Amino acid sequence: MLKHIRVKNNLCTINWTPNEVCKLLTDRAIKAEQLIQEDKTSTRKLIRNLYLLACQASLKNPLIKSKEAAVLRTYAKTIKETSEYYDNLFDLGDVVL
């Protein structure tokens, strides 16, 4: 299944499999911060999809695919933590005009 993923505001089309996604992330040395999407909903969907890919990788062949699953889980966790940090950093609360 082909999916679009935004990296540094560039849209990439990728075959959405654990192997292909890991290859994209590691070969291009993409940092998790570069995968944070424009809105919270898109970022949450990406995090969820990365966790699901990690599950898929670990279920197919636990011994061989464990490295891919670990990479995908790490990216998902880092994206989540970083996006939450950014939200807290720039949260100005309710602005009264």
PDB file of N, CA and C in Angstrom:
ATOM      1  N   MET A   1       0.845  -1.162   0.000  1.00  0.00           N
ATOM      2  CA  MET A   1       0.000   0.000   0.000  1.00  0.00           C
ATOM      3  C   MET A   1       0.901   1.240   0.000  1.00  0.00           C
ATOM      4  N   LEU A   2       0.642   2.148  -0.902  1.00  0.00           N
ATOM      5  CA  LEU A   2       1.401   3.393  -0.976  1.00  0.00           C
ATOM      6  C   LEU A   2       0.794   4.422  -0.039  1.00  0.00           C
ATOM      7  N   LYS A   3       1.664   5.162   0.639  1.00  0.00           N
ATOM      8  CA  LYS A   3       1.223   6.239   1.524  1.00  0.00           C
ATOM      9  C   LYS A   3       2.104   7.449   1.293  1.00  0.00           C
ATOM     10  N   HIS A   4       1.562   8.591   1.657  1.00  0.00           N
ATOM     11  CA  HIS A   4       2.319   9.826   1.604  1.00  0.00           C
ATOM     12  C   HIS A   4       2.766  10.173   3.015  1.00  0.00           C
ATOM     13  N   ILE A   5       3.998  10.597   3.117  1.00  0.00           N
ATOM     14  CA  ILE A   5       4.531  11.026   4.403  1.00  0.00           C
ATOM     15  C   ILE A   5       5.268  12.343   4.176  1.00  0.00           C
ATOM     16  N   ARG A   6       5.041  13.297   5.038  1.00  0.00           N
ATOM     17  CA  ARG A   6       5.663  14.613   4.901  1.00  0.00           C
ATOM     18  C   ARG A   6       6.942  14.631   5.728  1.00  0.00           C
ATOM     19  N   VAL A   7       8.056  14.915   5.038  1.00  0.00           N
ATOM     20  CA  VAL A   7       9.363  15.018   5.671  1.00  0.00           C
ATOM     21  C   VAL A   7       9.927  16.390   5.331  1.00  0.00           C
ATOM     22  N   LYS A   8      10.153  17.205   6.363  1.00  0.00           N
ATOM     23  CA  LYS A   8      10.681  18.563   6.152  1.00  0.00           C
ATOM     24  C   LYS A   8       9.840  19.327   5.137  1.00  0.00           C
ATOM     25  N   ASN A   9       8.549  19.233   5.248  1.00  0.00           N
ATOM     26  CA  ASN A   9       7.602  19.892   4.341  1.00  0.00           C
ATOM     27  C   ASN A   9       7.682  19.403   2.903  1.00  0.00           C
ATOM     28  N   ASN A  10       8.331  18.287   2.661  1.00  0.00           N
ATOM     29  CA  ASN A  10       8.335  17.636   1.346  1.00  0.00           C
ATOM     30  C   ASN A  10       7.497  16.379   1.446  1.00  0.00           C
ATOM     31  N   LEU A  11       6.687  16.145   0.444  1.00  0.00           N
ATOM     32  CA  LEU A  11       5.818  14.982   0.446  1.00  0.00           C
ATOM     33  C   LEU A  11       6.529  13.806  -0.222  1.00  0.00           C
ATOM     34  N   CYS A  12       6.660  12.696   0.500  1.00  0.00           N
ATOM     35  CA  CYS A  12       7.280  11.483  -0.034  1.00  0.00           C
ATOM     36  C   CYS A  12       6.201  10.414  -0.178  1.00  0.00           C
ATOM     37  N   THR A  13       6.258   9.682  -1.266  1.00  0.00           N
ATOM     38  CA  THR A  13       5.366   8.548  -1.451  1.00  0.00           C
ATOM     39  C   THR A  13       6.192   7.287  -1.223  1.00  0.00           C
ATOM     40  N   ILE A  14       5.676   6.418  -0.366  1.00  0.00           N
ATOM     41  CA  ILE A  14       6.440   5.235   0.017  1.00  0.00           C
ATOM     42  C   ILE A  14       5.522   4.022   0.111  1.00  0.00           C
ATOM     43  N   ASN A  15       6.079   2.875  -0.204  1.00  0.00           N
ATOM     44  CA  ASN A  15       5.372   1.617   0.005  1.00  0.00           C
ATOM     45  C   ASN A  15       5.357   1.384   1.516  1.00  0.00           C
ATOM     46  N   TRP A  16       4.191   1.376   2.129  1.00  0.00           N
ATOM     47  CA  TRP A  16       4.044   1.388   3.581  1.00  0.00           C
ATOM     48  C   TRP A  16       4.208  -0.009   4.157  1.00  0.00           C
ATOM     49  N   THR A  17       5.460  -0.461   4.207  1.00  0.00           N
ATOM     50  CA  THR A  17       5.818  -1.727   4.836  1.00  0.00           C
ATOM     51  C   THR A  17       6.921  -1.435   5.842  1.00  0.00           C
ATOM     52  N   PRO A  18       7.081  -2.271   6.852  1.00  0.00           N
ATOM     53  CA  PRO A  18       8.130  -2.019   7.844  1.00  0.00           C
ATOM     54  C   PRO A  18       9.518  -1.876   7.214  1.00  0.00           C
ATOM     55  N   ASN A  19       9.823  -2.727   6.264  1.00  0.00           N
ATOM     56  CA  ASN A  19      11.137  -2.694   5.631  1.00  0.00           C
ATOM     57  C   ASN A  19      11.367  -1.388   4.879  1.00  0.00           C
ATOM     58  N   GLU A  20      10.400  -0.978   4.071  1.00  0.00           N
ATOM     59  CA  GLU A  20      10.550   0.233   3.260  1.00  0.00           C
ATOM     60  C   GLU A  20      10.607   1.498   4.121  1.00  0.00           C
ATOM     61  N   VAL A  21       9.778   1.566   5.146  1.00  0.00           N
ATOM     62  CA  VAL A  21       9.763   2.745   6.017  1.00  0.00           C
ATOM     63  C   VAL A  21      11.071   2.836   6.798  1.00  0.00           C
ATOM     64  N   CYS A  22      11.551   1.721   7.331  1.00  0.00           N
ATOM     65  CA  CYS A  22      12.836   1.720   8.043  1.00  0.00           C
ATOM     66  C   CYS A  22      13.963   2.144   7.112  1.00  0.00           C
ATOM     67  N   LYS A  23      13.927   1.624   5.909  1.00  0.00           N
ATOM     68  CA  LYS A  23      14.951   1.956   4.924  1.00  0.00           C
ATOM     69  C   LYS A  23      14.953   3.465   4.643  1.00  0.00           C
ATOM     70  N   LEU A  24      13.764   4.055   4.452  1.00  0.00           N
ATOM     71  CA  LEU A  24      13.652   5.489   4.215  1.00  0.00           C
ATOM     72  C   LEU A  24      14.223   6.281   5.386  1.00  0.00           C
ATOM     73  N   LEU A  25      13.822   5.917   6.588  1.00  0.00           N
ATOM     74  CA  LEU A  25      14.235   6.666   7.773  1.00  0.00           C
ATOM     75  C   LEU A  25      15.731   6.557   8.038  1.00  0.00           C
ATOM     76  N   THR A  26      16.293   5.383   7.860  1.00  0.00           N
ATOM     77  CA  THR A  26      17.710   5.193   8.185  1.00  0.00           C
ATOM     78  C   THR A  26      18.629   5.601   7.035  1.00  0.00           C
ATOM     79  N   ASP A  27      18.275   5.289   5.805  1.00  0.00           N
ATOM     80  CA  ASP A  27      19.144   5.635   4.670  1.00  0.00           C
ATOM     81  C   ASP A  27      19.250   7.132   4.456  1.00  0.00           C
ATOM     82  N   ARG A  28      18.148   7.836   4.654  1.00  0.00           N
ATOM     83  CA  ARG A  28      18.161   9.298   4.491  1.00  0.00           C
ATOM     84  C   ARG A  28      18.522  10.021   5.787  1.00  0.00           C
ATOM     85  N   ALA A  29      18.772   9.264   6.843  1.00  0.00           N
ATOM     86  CA  ALA A  29      19.120   9.824   8.157  1.00  0.00           C
ATOM     87  C   ALA A  29      18.105  10.890   8.580  1.00  0.00           C
ATOM     88  N   ILE A  30      16.838  10.538   8.477  1.00  0.00           N
ATOM     89  CA  ILE A  30      15.763  11.452   8.847  1.00  0.00           C
ATOM     90  C   ILE A  30      15.612  11.448  10.365  1.00  0.00           C
ATOM     91  N   LYS A  31      15.580  12.634  10.937  1.00  0.00           N
ATOM     92  CA  LYS A  31      15.384  12.761  12.377  1.00  0.00           C
ATOM     93  C   LYS A  31      13.893  12.754  12.673  1.00  0.00           C
ATOM     94  N   ALA A  32      13.547  12.300  13.854  1.00  0.00           N
ATOM     95  CA  ALA A  32      12.139  12.233  14.249  1.00  0.00           C
ATOM     96  C   ALA A  32      11.488  13.610  14.223  1.00  0.00           C
ATOM     97  N   GLU A  33      12.237  14.641  14.579  1.00  0.00           N
ATOM     98  CA  GLU A  33      11.693  16.001  14.593  1.00  0.00           C
ATOM     99  C   GLU A  33      11.249  16.442  13.203  1.00  0.00           C
ATOM    100  N   GLN A  34      11.873  15.905  12.178  1.00  0.00           N
ATOM    101  CA  GLN A  34      11.538  16.270  10.807  1.00  0.00           C
ATOM    102  C   GLN A  34      10.223  15.638  10.348  1.00  0.00           C
ATOM    103  N   LEU A  35       9.722  14.696  11.123  1.00  0.00           N
ATOM    104  CA  LEU A  35       8.487  14.006  10.764  1.00  0.00           C
ATOM    105  C   LEU A  35       7.251  14.583  11.446  1.00  0.00           C
ATOM    106  N   ILE A  36       7.442  15.549  12.327  1.00  0.00           N
ATOM    107  CA  ILE A  36       6.292  16.180  12.972  1.00  0.00           C
ATOM    108  C   ILE A  36       5.491  16.901  11.902  1.00  0.00           C
ATOM    109  N   GLN A  37       4.211  16.612  11.865  1.00  0.00           N
ATOM    110  CA  GLN A  37       3.339  17.114  10.810  1.00  0.00           C
ATOM    111  C   GLN A  37       2.804  18.504  11.140  1.00  0.00           C
ATOM    112  N   GLU A  38       2.123  19.099  10.185  1.00  0.00           N
ATOM    113  CA  GLU A  38       1.629  20.470  10.331  1.00  0.00           C
ATOM    114  C   GLU A  38       0.566  20.617  11.417  1.00  0.00           C
ATOM    115  N   ASP A  39      -0.228  19.584  11.610  1.00  0.00           N
ATOM    116  CA  ASP A  39      -1.260  19.672  12.652  1.00  0.00           C
ATOM    117  C   ASP A  39      -1.180  18.453  13.570  1.00  0.00           C
ATOM    118  N   LYS A  40      -1.766  18.610  14.750  1.00  0.00           N
ATOM    119  CA  LYS A  40      -1.693  17.559  15.767  1.00  0.00           C
ATOM    120  C   LYS A  40      -2.318  16.253  15.309  1.00  0.00           C
ATOM    121  N   THR A  41      -3.423  16.341  14.586  1.00  0.00           N
ATOM    122  CA  THR A  41      -4.122  15.138  14.147  1.00  0.00           C
ATOM    123  C   THR A  41      -3.245  14.307  13.212  1.00  0.00           C
ATOM    124  N   SER A  42      -2.604  14.956  12.275  1.00  0.00           N
ATOM    125  CA  SER A  42      -1.721  14.246  11.341  1.00  0.00           C
ATOM    126  C   SER A  42      -0.530  13.639  12.062  1.00  0.00           C
ATOM    127  N   THR A  43      -0.006  14.356  13.044  1.00  0.00           N
ATOM    128  CA  THR A  43       1.117  13.831  13.817  1.00  0.00           C
ATOM    129  C   THR A  43       0.685  12.598  14.603  1.00  0.00           C
ATOM    130  N   ARG A  44      -0.477  12.657  15.216  1.00  0.00           N
ATOM    131  CA  ARG A  44      -0.981  11.496  15.972  1.00  0.00           C
ATOM    132  C   ARG A  44      -1.225  10.298  15.073  1.00  0.00           C
ATOM    133  N   LYS A  45      -1.738  10.536  13.877  1.00  0.00           N
ATOM    134  CA  LYS A  45      -1.960   9.437  12.931  1.00  0.00           C
ATOM    135  C   LYS A  45      -0.637   8.806  12.515  1.00  0.00           C
ATOM    136  N   LEU A  46       0.369   9.636  12.294  1.00  0.00           N
ATOM    137  CA  LEU A  46       1.683   9.106  11.927  1.00  0.00           C
ATOM    138  C   LEU A  46       2.262   8.270  13.062  1.00  0.00           C
ATOM    139  N   ILE A  47       2.157   8.754  14.286  1.00  0.00           N
ATOM    140  CA  ILE A  47       2.647   8.002  15.446  1.00  0.00           C
ATOM    141  C   ILE A  47       1.943   6.654  15.532  1.00  0.00           C
ATOM    142  N   ARG A  48       0.616   6.676  15.416  1.00  0.00           N
ATOM    143  CA  ARG A  48      -0.155   5.430  15.459  1.00  0.00           C
ATOM    144  C   ARG A  48       0.276   4.476  14.345  1.00  0.00           C
ATOM    145  N   ASN A  49       0.433   4.994  13.139  1.00  0.00           N
ATOM    146  CA  ASN A  49       0.814   4.152  12.001  1.00  0.00           C
ATOM    147  C   ASN A  49       2.216   3.568  12.168  1.00  0.00           C
ATOM    148  N   LEU A  50       3.129   4.329  12.760  1.00  0.00           N
ATOM    149  CA  LEU A  50       4.470   3.794  13.006  1.00  0.00           C
ATOM    150  C   LEU A  50       4.431   2.686  14.049  1.00  0.00           C
ATOM    151  N   TYR A  51       3.620   2.871  15.100  1.00  0.00           N
ATOM    152  CA  TYR A  51       3.475   1.803  16.100  1.00  0.00           C
ATOM    153  C   TYR A  51       2.848   0.548  15.469  1.00  0.00           C
ATOM    154  N   LEU A  52       1.862   0.739  14.610  1.00  0.00           N
ATOM    155  CA  LEU A  52       1.243  -0.416  13.943  1.00  0.00           C
ATOM    156  C   LEU A  52       2.236  -1.128  13.035  1.00  0.00           C
ATOM    157  N   LEU A  53       3.075  -0.366  12.345  1.00  0.00           N
ATOM    158  CA  LEU A  53       4.120  -0.986  11.515  1.00  0.00           C
ATOM    159  C   LEU A  53       5.103  -1.766  12.375  1.00  0.00           C
ATOM    160  N   ALA A  54       5.438  -1.228  13.541  1.00  0.00           N
ATOM    161  CA  ALA A  54       6.340  -1.928  14.458  1.00  0.00           C
ATOM    162  C   ALA A  54       5.728  -3.252  14.908  1.00  0.00           C
ATOM    163  N   CYS A  55       4.430  -3.240  15.199  1.00  0.00           N
ATOM    164  CA  CYS A  55       3.736  -4.478  15.573  1.00  0.00           C
ATOM    165  C   CYS A  55       3.753  -5.475  14.419  1.00  0.00           C
ATOM    166  N   GLN A  56       3.491  -4.980  13.224  1.00  0.00           N
ATOM    167  CA  GLN A  56       3.496  -5.824  12.036  1.00  0.00           C
ATOM    168  C   GLN A  56       4.878  -6.454  11.830  1.00  0.00           C
ATOM    169  N   ALA A  57       5.927  -5.667  12.010  1.00  0.00           N
ATOM    170  CA  ALA A  57       7.289  -6.170  11.830  1.00  0.00           C
ATOM    171  C   ALA A  57       7.618  -7.243  12.865  1.00  0.00           C
ATOM    172  N   SER A  58       7.222  -7.026  14.103  1.00  0.00           N
ATOM    173  CA  SER A  58       7.553  -8.002  15.144  1.00  0.00           C
ATOM    174  C   SER A  58       6.720  -9.274  15.034  1.00  0.00           C
ATOM    175  N   LEU A  59       5.518  -9.191  14.448  1.00  0.00           N
ATOM    176  CA  LEU A  59       4.679 -10.380  14.313  1.00  0.00           C
ATOM    177  C   LEU A  59       5.073 -11.261  13.130  1.00  0.00           C
ATOM    178  N   LYS A  60       5.596 -10.662  12.073  1.00  0.00           N
ATOM    179  CA  LYS A  60       5.952 -11.447  10.887  1.00  0.00           C
ATOM    180  C   LYS A  60       7.062 -12.436  11.192  1.00  0.00           C
ATOM    181  N   ASN A  61       8.137 -11.967  11.744  1.00  0.00           N
ATOM    182  CA  ASN A  61       9.244 -12.834  12.112  1.00  0.00           C
ATOM    183  C   ASN A  61       9.985 -12.180  13.269  1.00  0.00           C
ATOM    184  N   PRO A  62       9.649 -12.548  14.480  1.00  0.00           N
ATOM    185  CA  PRO A  62      10.178 -11.854  15.656  1.00  0.00           C
ATOM    186  C   PRO A  62      11.702 -11.788  15.726  1.00  0.00           C
ATOM    187  N   LEU A  63      12.397 -12.813  15.248  1.00  0.00           N
ATOM    188  CA  LEU A  63      13.848 -12.800  15.370  1.00  0.00           C
ATOM    189  C   LEU A  63      14.510 -11.901  14.344  1.00  0.00           C
ATOM    190  N   ILE A  64      14.036 -11.914  13.129  1.00  0.00           N
ATOM    191  CA  ILE A  64      14.655 -11.133  12.058  1.00  0.00           C
ATOM    192  C   ILE A  64      14.165  -9.693  12.084  1.00  0.00           C
ATOM    193  N   LYS A  65      12.893  -9.481  12.290  1.00  0.00           N
ATOM    194  CA  LYS A  65      12.299  -8.151  12.172  1.00  0.00           C
ATOM    195  C   LYS A  65      12.361  -7.340  13.460  1.00  0.00           C
ATOM    196  N   SER A  66      12.967  -7.857  14.500  1.00  0.00           N
ATOM    197  CA  SER A  66      12.981  -7.122  15.764  1.00  0.00           C
ATOM    198  C   SER A  66      13.732  -5.794  15.638  1.00  0.00           C
ATOM    199  N   LYS A  67      14.749  -5.731  14.786  1.00  0.00           N
ATOM    200  CA  LYS A  67      15.482  -4.479  14.593  1.00  0.00           C
ATOM    201  C   LYS A  67      14.580  -3.430  13.946  1.00  0.00           C
ATOM    202  N   GLU A  68      13.836  -3.808  12.923  1.00  0.00           N
ATOM    203  CA  GLU A  68      12.913  -2.881  12.276  1.00  0.00           C
ATOM    204  C   GLU A  68      11.849  -2.410  13.259  1.00  0.00           C
ATOM    205  N   ALA A  69      11.309  -3.324  14.040  1.00  0.00           N
ATOM    206  CA  ALA A  69      10.285  -2.958  15.020  1.00  0.00           C
ATOM    207  C   ALA A  69      10.846  -1.974  16.033  1.00  0.00           C
ATOM    208  N   ALA A  70      12.069  -2.194  16.477  1.00  0.00           N
ATOM    209  CA  ALA A  70      12.685  -1.288  17.451  1.00  0.00           C
ATOM    210  C   ALA A  70      12.898   0.099  16.855  1.00  0.00           C
ATOM    211  N   VAL A  71      13.333   0.164  15.609  1.00  0.00           N
ATOM    212  CA  VAL A  71      13.541   1.457  14.948  1.00  0.00           C
ATOM    213  C   VAL A  71      12.217   2.205  14.824  1.00  0.00           C
ATOM    214  N   LEU A  72      11.179   1.514  14.385  1.00  0.00           N
ATOM    215  CA  LEU A  72       9.867   2.154  14.205  1.00  0.00           C
ATOM    216  C   LEU A  72       9.283   2.621  15.532  1.00  0.00           C
ATOM    217  N   ARG A  73       9.413   1.799  16.565  1.00  0.00           N
ATOM    218  CA  ARG A  73       8.922   2.195  17.890  1.00  0.00           C
ATOM    219  C   ARG A  73       9.680   3.414  18.415  1.00  0.00           C
ATOM    220  N   THR A  74      10.987   3.441  18.196  1.00  0.00           N
ATOM    221  CA  THR A  74      11.794   4.564  18.653  1.00  0.00           C
ATOM    222  C   THR A  74      11.388   5.857  17.959  1.00  0.00           C
ATOM    223  N   TYR A  75      11.177   5.789  16.644  1.00  0.00           N
ATOM    224  CA  TYR A  75      10.725   6.974  15.918  1.00  0.00           C
ATOM    225  C   TYR A  75       9.366   7.440  16.436  1.00  0.00           C
ATOM    226  N   ALA A  76       8.432   6.517  16.610  1.00  0.00           N
ATOM    227  CA  ALA A  76       7.092   6.883  17.086  1.00  0.00           C
ATOM    228  C   ALA A  76       7.164   7.533  18.462  1.00  0.00           C
ATOM    229  N   LYS A  77       7.941   6.951  19.352  1.00  0.00           N
ATOM    230  CA  LYS A  77       8.068   7.472  20.712  1.00  0.00           C
ATOM    231  C   LYS A  77       8.722   8.857  20.701  1.00  0.00           C
ATOM    232  N   THR A  78       9.767   9.018  19.902  1.00  0.00           N
ATOM    233  CA  THR A  78      10.470  10.300  19.841  1.00  0.00           C
ATOM    234  C   THR A  78       9.598  11.388  19.234  1.00  0.00           C
ATOM    235  N   ILE A  79       8.851  11.049  18.185  1.00  0.00           N
ATOM    236  CA  ILE A  79       7.932  12.020  17.580  1.00  0.00           C
ATOM    237  C   ILE A  79       6.893  12.455  18.603  1.00  0.00           C
ATOM    238  N   LYS A  80       6.358  11.493  19.344  1.00  0.00           N
ATOM    239  CA  LYS A  80       5.344  11.807  20.357  1.00  0.00           C
ATOM    240  C   LYS A  80       5.910  12.733  21.428  1.00  0.00           C
ATOM    241  N   GLU A  81       7.074  12.387  21.958  1.00  0.00           N
ATOM    242  CA  GLU A  81       7.673  13.193  23.018  1.00  0.00           C
ATOM    243  C   GLU A  81       8.036  14.596  22.521  1.00  0.00           C
ATOM    244  N   THR A  82       8.590  14.676  21.325  1.00  0.00           N
ATOM    245  CA  THR A  82       8.999  15.967  20.772  1.00  0.00           C
ATOM    246  C   THR A  82       7.797  16.848  20.472  1.00  0.00           C
ATOM    247  N   SER A  83       6.759  16.267  19.886  1.00  0.00           N
ATOM    248  CA  SER A  83       5.576  17.072  19.575  1.00  0.00           C
ATOM    249  C   SER A  83       4.900  17.565  20.851  1.00  0.00           C
ATOM    250  N   GLU A  84       4.878  16.742  21.890  1.00  0.00           N
ATOM    251  CA  GLU A  84       4.320  17.179  23.171  1.00  0.00           C
ATOM    252  C   GLU A  84       5.176  18.293  23.782  1.00  0.00           C
ATOM    253  N   TYR A  85       6.484  18.171  23.652  1.00  0.00           N
ATOM    254  CA  TYR A  85       7.388  19.211  24.154  1.00  0.00           C
ATOM    255  C   TYR A  85       7.131  20.532  23.425  1.00  0.00           C
ATOM    256  N   TYR A  86       7.012  20.465  22.098  1.00  0.00           N
ATOM    257  CA  TYR A  86       6.725  21.676  21.321  1.00  0.00           C
ATOM    258  C   TYR A  86       5.379  22.285  21.718  1.00  0.00           C
ATOM    259  N   ASP A  87       4.382  21.427  21.923  1.00  0.00           N
ATOM    260  CA  ASP A  87       3.069  21.931  22.333  1.00  0.00           C
ATOM    261  C   ASP A  87       3.162  22.658  23.666  1.00  0.00           C
ATOM    262  N   ASN A  88       3.897  22.100  24.616  1.00  0.00           N
ATOM    263  CA  ASN A  88       4.051  22.726  25.926  1.00  0.00           C
ATOM    264  C   ASN A  88       4.900  23.985  25.855  1.00  0.00           C
ATOM    265  N   LEU A  89       5.905  23.971  24.989  1.00  0.00           N
ATOM    266  CA  LEU A  89       6.796  25.110  24.859  1.00  0.00           C
ATOM    267  C   LEU A  89       6.074  26.331  24.303  1.00  0.00           C
ATOM    268  N   PHE A  90       5.223  26.095  23.311  1.00  0.00           N
ATOM    269  CA  PHE A  90       4.551  27.200  22.643  1.00  0.00           C
ATOM    270  C   PHE A  90       3.128  27.427  23.133  1.00  0.00           C
ATOM    271  N   ASP A  91       2.734  26.737  24.174  1.00  0.00           N
ATOM    272  CA  ASP A  91       1.385  26.913  24.713  1.00  0.00           C
ATOM    273  C   ASP A  91       1.327  28.233  25.472  1.00  0.00           C
ATOM    274  N   LEU A  92       0.597  29.148  24.938  1.00  0.00           N
ATOM    275  CA  LEU A  92       0.471  30.464  25.551  1.00  0.00           C
ATOM    276  C   LEU A  92      -0.762  30.587  26.407  1.00  0.00           C
ATOM    277  N   GLY A  93      -1.523  29.514  26.487  1.00  0.00           N
ATOM    278  CA  GLY A  93      -2.741  29.561  27.261  1.00  0.00           C
ATOM    279  C   GLY A  93      -3.804  30.346  26.526  1.00  0.00           C
ATOM    280  N   ASP A  94      -4.826  30.760  27.242  1.00  0.00           N
ATOM    281  CA  ASP A  94      -5.895  31.557  26.643  1.00  0.00           C
ATOM    282  C   ASP A  94      -5.449  33.015  26.570  1.00  0.00           C
ATOM    283  N   VAL A  95      -5.467  33.517  25.391  1.00  0.00           N
ATOM    284  CA  VAL A  95      -5.094  34.912  25.189  1.00  0.00           C
ATOM    285  C   VAL A  95      -6.361  35.742  25.229  1.00  0.00           C
ATOM    286  N   VAL A  96      -6.404  36.736  26.105  1.00  0.00           N
ATOM    287  CA  VAL A  96      -7.556  37.610  26.242  1.00  0.00           C
ATOM    288  C   VAL A  96      -7.237  38.906  25.521  1.00  0.00           C
ATOM    289  N   LEU A  97      -8.072  39.249  24.584  1.00  0.00           N
ATOM    290  CA  LEU A  97      -7.876  40.502  23.835  1.00  0.00           C
ATOM    291  C   LEU A  97      -8.798  41.572  24.317  1.00  0.00           C
TER     292      LEU A  97
END
